[in-house]
Amino acid sequence: MRKLAFADVVGGAIPAGRLVDRGGFRRYDEPGFRTHDEPGTHTHTVPEVFCIYQGSGTIEINGAAADRFTAGDVLLIEPGEDHHLISDGDVPLVFTWMHLQE
């Protein structure tokens, strides 16, 4: 997992040759909300990008707290990494997610 800023993405931090395949927008109001909280791991075979627009929290990678994030951060999840965002701010967590095609 790498934590980036929006300026880094514009500067080419998204892996060369990758395009957005699909994505979405999410808002979670409750502090302590954990994405993909179903049993088992949550992984992909392609990179996933999270752009954090509002709120803050911790990213969990492969079962361990990896880093804090806040509005303005961009998180690049590598293929195969089990990942979960955990909201802990006073305002709702708002982000977009994108799967990058191979």
N, C-alpha and C. Protein backbone atom coordinates (compact mmCIF):
# COMPACT_ATOMS: atom_id res chain seq x y z
N MET A 1 0.84 -1.16 0.00
CA MET A 1 0.00 0.00 0.00
C MET A 1 0.89 1.23 0.00
N ARG A 2 0.52 2.20 -0.82
CA ARG A 2 1.20 3.50 -0.80
C ARG A 2 0.18 4.58 -0.53
N LYS A 3 0.53 5.57 0.30
CA LYS A 3 -0.33 6.71 0.53
C LYS A 3 0.24 7.87 -0.27
N LEU A 4 -0.61 8.50 -1.09
CA LEU A 4 -0.19 9.57 -1.97
C LEU A 4 -1.05 10.80 -1.73
N ALA A 5 -0.70 11.89 -2.36
CA ALA A 5 -1.53 13.09 -2.40
C ALA A 5 -2.08 13.24 -3.81
N PHE A 6 -3.19 13.98 -3.97
CA PHE A 6 -3.76 14.16 -5.29
C PHE A 6 -2.70 14.66 -6.29
N ALA A 7 -1.82 15.55 -5.83
CA ALA A 7 -0.77 16.07 -6.72
C ALA A 7 0.14 14.96 -7.22
N ASP A 8 0.38 13.93 -6.42
CA ASP A 8 1.21 12.81 -6.84
C ASP A 8 0.55 12.04 -7.97
N VAL A 9 -0.76 11.88 -7.91
CA VAL A 9 -1.48 11.14 -8.94
C VAL A 9 -1.38 11.88 -10.27
N VAL A 10 -1.58 13.18 -10.22
CA VAL A 10 -1.46 13.99 -11.44
C VAL A 10 -0.05 13.87 -12.00
N GLY A 11 0.93 13.72 -11.13
CA GLY A 11 2.32 13.61 -11.55
C GLY A 11 2.74 12.23 -12.02
N GLY A 12 1.82 11.27 -12.06
CA GLY A 12 2.15 9.97 -12.62
C GLY A 12 2.34 8.83 -11.64
N ALA A 13 1.81 8.93 -10.43
CA ALA A 13 1.98 7.85 -9.45
C ALA A 13 1.13 6.63 -9.78
N ILE A 14 0.07 6.79 -10.55
CA ILE A 14 -0.72 5.63 -10.98
C ILE A 14 0.17 4.82 -11.92
N PRO A 15 0.23 3.51 -11.75
CA PRO A 15 1.12 2.69 -12.57
C PRO A 15 0.95 2.93 -14.06
N ALA A 16 2.06 3.03 -14.76
CA ALA A 16 2.05 3.29 -16.20
C ALA A 16 1.23 2.23 -16.92
N GLY A 17 0.46 2.65 -17.90
CA GLY A 17 -0.31 1.74 -18.72
C GLY A 17 -1.63 1.32 -18.12
N ARG A 18 -1.96 1.77 -16.91
CA ARG A 18 -3.22 1.41 -16.26
C ARG A 18 -4.28 2.46 -16.56
N LEU A 19 -5.51 2.01 -16.77
CA LEU A 19 -6.66 2.89 -16.94
C LEU A 19 -7.72 2.48 -15.93
N VAL A 20 -8.62 3.39 -15.60
CA VAL A 20 -9.70 3.07 -14.68
C VAL A 20 -10.66 2.11 -15.37
N ASP A 21 -10.93 0.99 -14.73
CA ASP A 21 -11.86 -0.01 -15.25
C ASP A 21 -13.27 0.24 -14.72
N ARG A 22 -13.38 0.46 -13.42
CA ARG A 22 -14.67 0.75 -12.80
C ARG A 22 -14.41 1.42 -11.46
N GLY A 23 -15.47 1.95 -10.86
CA GLY A 23 -15.29 2.62 -9.59
C GLY A 23 -16.61 3.05 -9.01
N GLY A 24 -16.53 3.81 -7.92
CA GLY A 24 -17.74 4.26 -7.26
C GLY A 24 -17.44 5.30 -6.20
N PHE A 25 -18.52 5.76 -5.59
CA PHE A 25 -18.50 6.80 -4.58
C PHE A 25 -19.13 6.23 -3.31
N ARG A 26 -18.55 6.52 -2.15
CA ARG A 26 -19.10 6.02 -0.90
C ARG A 26 -19.09 7.13 0.16
N ARG A 27 -20.08 7.08 1.03
CA ARG A 27 -20.15 7.95 2.21
C ARG A 27 -20.56 7.07 3.38
N TYR A 28 -19.79 7.16 4.46
CA TYR A 28 -20.09 6.41 5.67
C TYR A 28 -20.15 7.38 6.84
N ASP A 29 -21.29 7.41 7.52
CA ASP A 29 -21.54 8.40 8.57
C ASP A 29 -21.00 8.01 9.94
N GLU A 30 -20.86 6.73 10.20
CA GLU A 30 -20.52 6.27 11.54
C GLU A 30 -19.02 6.15 11.78
N PRO A 31 -18.49 6.80 12.83
CA PRO A 31 -17.10 6.54 13.22
C PRO A 31 -16.96 5.06 13.56
N GLY A 32 -15.85 4.47 13.21
CA GLY A 32 -15.62 3.05 13.46
C GLY A 32 -16.07 2.16 12.32
N PHE A 33 -16.68 2.76 11.28
CA PHE A 33 -17.11 1.95 10.14
C PHE A 33 -15.88 1.34 9.47
N ARG A 34 -15.96 0.07 9.14
CA ARG A 34 -14.87 -0.67 8.48
C ARG A 34 -15.38 -1.20 7.16
N THR A 35 -14.75 -0.79 6.06
CA THR A 35 -15.18 -1.24 4.74
C THR A 35 -14.92 -2.73 4.58
N HIS A 36 -15.69 -3.36 3.74
CA HIS A 36 -15.52 -4.78 3.42
C HIS A 36 -15.46 -5.62 4.69
N ASP A 37 -16.41 -5.42 5.57
CA ASP A 37 -16.35 -6.06 6.89
C ASP A 37 -16.96 -7.47 6.90
N GLU A 38 -17.07 -8.07 5.72
CA GLU A 38 -17.58 -9.44 5.65
C GLU A 38 -16.47 -10.41 6.09
N PRO A 39 -16.83 -11.64 6.43
CA PRO A 39 -15.80 -12.61 6.82
C PRO A 39 -14.80 -12.87 5.69
N GLY A 40 -13.59 -13.18 6.06
CA GLY A 40 -12.55 -13.49 5.07
C GLY A 40 -11.80 -12.24 4.61
N THR A 41 -10.97 -12.43 3.63
CA THR A 41 -10.15 -11.33 3.11
C THR A 41 -10.87 -10.61 1.98
N HIS A 42 -10.40 -9.40 1.71
CA HIS A 42 -10.93 -8.62 0.59
C HIS A 42 -9.74 -8.19 -0.26
N THR A 43 -9.56 -8.86 -1.39
CA THR A 43 -8.43 -8.58 -2.27
C THR A 43 -8.92 -8.46 -3.71
N HIS A 44 -8.05 -7.94 -4.57
CA HIS A 44 -8.32 -7.83 -6.00
C HIS A 44 -7.08 -8.27 -6.77
N THR A 45 -7.26 -8.61 -8.02
CA THR A 45 -6.12 -8.98 -8.88
C THR A 45 -5.55 -7.77 -9.60
N VAL A 46 -6.16 -6.60 -9.41
CA VAL A 46 -5.70 -5.35 -10.03
C VAL A 46 -5.53 -4.30 -8.94
N PRO A 47 -4.76 -3.23 -9.20
CA PRO A 47 -4.65 -2.16 -8.21
C PRO A 47 -5.99 -1.47 -7.98
N GLU A 48 -6.18 -0.96 -6.77
CA GLU A 48 -7.36 -0.15 -6.45
C GLU A 48 -6.88 1.16 -5.85
N VAL A 49 -7.55 2.24 -6.24
CA VAL A 49 -7.20 3.58 -5.77
C VAL A 49 -8.37 4.13 -4.97
N PHE A 50 -8.08 4.65 -3.78
CA PHE A 50 -9.07 5.36 -2.97
C PHE A 50 -8.66 6.83 -2.91
N CYS A 51 -9.56 7.74 -3.24
CA CYS A 51 -9.35 9.18 -3.11
C CYS A 51 -10.23 9.65 -1.96
N ILE A 52 -9.62 10.16 -0.90
CA ILE A 52 -10.34 10.55 0.31
C ILE A 52 -10.70 12.04 0.19
N TYR A 53 -12.00 12.33 0.21
CA TYR A 53 -12.49 13.70 0.05
C TYR A 53 -12.88 14.33 1.37
N GLN A 54 -13.29 13.54 2.35
CA GLN A 54 -13.74 14.06 3.63
C GLN A 54 -13.56 12.97 4.68
N GLY A 55 -13.25 13.39 5.89
CA GLY A 55 -13.11 12.42 6.97
C GLY A 55 -11.68 11.96 7.16
N SER A 56 -11.52 10.99 8.04
CA SER A 56 -10.19 10.47 8.34
C SER A 56 -10.34 9.06 8.91
N GLY A 57 -9.21 8.39 9.03
CA GLY A 57 -9.24 7.06 9.60
C GLY A 57 -7.91 6.36 9.44
N THR A 58 -7.98 5.04 9.48
CA THR A 58 -6.80 4.17 9.36
C THR A 58 -7.04 3.17 8.25
N ILE A 59 -6.01 2.90 7.46
CA ILE A 59 -6.08 1.84 6.46
C ILE A 59 -5.46 0.59 7.07
N GLU A 60 -6.17 -0.51 6.97
CA GLU A 60 -5.68 -1.80 7.46
C GLU A 60 -5.26 -2.62 6.24
N ILE A 61 -4.02 -3.10 6.24
CA ILE A 61 -3.48 -3.89 5.14
C ILE A 61 -3.04 -5.24 5.70
N ASN A 62 -3.55 -6.31 5.11
CA ASN A 62 -3.20 -7.67 5.52
C ASN A 62 -3.31 -7.88 7.03
N GLY A 63 -4.40 -7.32 7.62
CA GLY A 63 -4.71 -7.56 9.01
C GLY A 63 -4.04 -6.63 10.01
N ALA A 64 -3.24 -5.68 9.54
CA ALA A 64 -2.55 -4.77 10.46
C ALA A 64 -2.81 -3.32 10.07
N ALA A 65 -2.91 -2.45 11.08
CA ALA A 65 -3.05 -1.02 10.80
C ALA A 65 -1.80 -0.55 10.08
N ALA A 66 -1.98 0.01 8.88
CA ALA A 66 -0.82 0.38 8.06
C ALA A 66 -0.50 1.87 8.14
N ASP A 67 -1.52 2.72 8.11
CA ASP A 67 -1.25 4.16 8.05
C ASP A 67 -2.54 4.92 8.30
N ARG A 68 -2.42 6.15 8.74
CA ARG A 68 -3.57 7.04 8.87
C ARG A 68 -3.82 7.73 7.54
N PHE A 69 -5.07 8.08 7.30
CA PHE A 69 -5.40 8.87 6.12
C PHE A 69 -6.35 9.99 6.53
N THR A 70 -6.39 11.03 5.71
CA THR A 70 -7.29 12.15 5.91
C THR A 70 -7.66 12.73 4.56
N ALA A 71 -8.60 13.66 4.56
CA ALA A 71 -9.04 14.27 3.31
C ALA A 71 -7.84 14.80 2.52
N GLY A 72 -7.84 14.50 1.22
CA GLY A 72 -6.74 14.90 0.34
C GLY A 72 -5.76 13.78 0.06
N ASP A 73 -5.83 12.69 0.80
CA ASP A 73 -4.93 11.55 0.57
C ASP A 73 -5.48 10.66 -0.54
N VAL A 74 -4.56 10.00 -1.21
CA VAL A 74 -4.87 8.99 -2.22
C VAL A 74 -4.17 7.71 -1.79
N LEU A 75 -4.91 6.62 -1.71
CA LEU A 75 -4.34 5.34 -1.30
C LEU A 75 -4.32 4.40 -2.49
N LEU A 76 -3.17 3.87 -2.81
CA LEU A 76 -3.01 2.92 -3.91
C LEU A 76 -2.80 1.54 -3.30
N ILE A 77 -3.79 0.66 -3.48
CA ILE A 77 -3.75 -0.69 -2.95
C ILE A 77 -3.20 -1.61 -4.04
N GLU A 78 -2.17 -2.34 -3.71
CA GLU A 78 -1.55 -3.23 -4.69
C GLU A 78 -2.37 -4.51 -4.86
N PRO A 79 -2.29 -5.16 -6.01
CA PRO A 79 -3.00 -6.42 -6.20
C PRO A 79 -2.63 -7.42 -5.11
N GLY A 80 -3.63 -8.11 -4.58
CA GLY A 80 -3.40 -9.14 -3.57
C GLY A 80 -3.39 -8.65 -2.13
N GLU A 81 -3.38 -7.33 -1.90
CA GLU A 81 -3.39 -6.82 -0.53
C GLU A 81 -4.82 -6.85 0.04
N ASP A 82 -4.98 -7.50 1.18
CA ASP A 82 -6.25 -7.47 1.90
C ASP A 82 -6.37 -6.09 2.52
N HIS A 83 -7.46 -5.37 2.23
CA HIS A 83 -7.53 -3.96 2.63
C HIS A 83 -8.90 -3.58 3.18
N HIS A 84 -8.86 -2.67 4.17
CA HIS A 84 -10.06 -2.16 4.82
C HIS A 84 -9.77 -0.73 5.28
N LEU A 85 -10.70 0.19 5.03
CA LEU A 85 -10.63 1.54 5.56
C LEU A 85 -11.49 1.59 6.81
N ILE A 86 -10.96 2.19 7.88
CA ILE A 86 -11.68 2.30 9.14
C ILE A 86 -11.81 3.78 9.48
N SER A 87 -13.05 4.27 9.48
CA SER A 87 -13.34 5.68 9.74
C SER A 87 -13.22 5.98 11.22
N ASP A 88 -12.58 7.11 11.56
CA ASP A 88 -12.52 7.49 12.97
C ASP A 88 -12.68 8.98 13.19
N GLY A 89 -13.11 9.70 12.15
CA GLY A 89 -13.25 11.15 12.28
C GLY A 89 -14.59 11.58 12.83
N ASP A 90 -14.70 12.88 13.07
CA ASP A 90 -15.93 13.47 13.56
C ASP A 90 -16.92 13.78 12.44
N VAL A 91 -16.48 13.71 11.20
CA VAL A 91 -17.35 13.96 10.05
C VAL A 91 -17.42 12.68 9.22
N PRO A 92 -18.45 12.53 8.41
CA PRO A 92 -18.57 11.31 7.59
C PRO A 92 -17.34 11.10 6.70
N LEU A 93 -17.01 9.85 6.48
CA LEU A 93 -15.94 9.47 5.55
C LEU A 93 -16.54 9.44 4.15
N VAL A 94 -15.94 10.20 3.24
CA VAL A 94 -16.40 10.27 1.85
C VAL A 94 -15.20 9.99 0.95
N PHE A 95 -15.36 9.02 0.03
CA PHE A 95 -14.25 8.68 -0.87
C PHE A 95 -14.78 8.11 -2.18
N THR A 96 -13.92 8.12 -3.17
CA THR A 96 -14.17 7.38 -4.40
C THR A 96 -13.18 6.22 -4.44
N TRP A 97 -13.57 5.17 -5.16
CA TRP A 97 -12.67 4.03 -5.36
C TRP A 97 -12.66 3.71 -6.85
N MET A 98 -11.52 3.22 -7.31
CA MET A 98 -11.35 2.87 -8.72
C MET A 98 -10.50 1.61 -8.84
N HIS A 99 -10.96 0.65 -9.60
CA HIS A 99 -10.14 -0.49 -9.97
C HIS A 99 -9.45 -0.14 -11.27
N LEU A 100 -8.16 -0.41 -11.35
CA LEU A 100 -7.38 -0.12 -12.56
C LEU A 100 -7.24 -1.37 -13.39
N GLN A 101 -7.50 -1.28 -14.67
CA GLN A 101 -7.38 -2.44 -15.52
C GLN A 101 -5.92 -2.76 -15.80
N GLU A 102 -5.68 -4.01 -16.20
CA GLU A 102 -4.31 -4.44 -16.51
C GLU A 102 -3.89 -3.96 -17.86
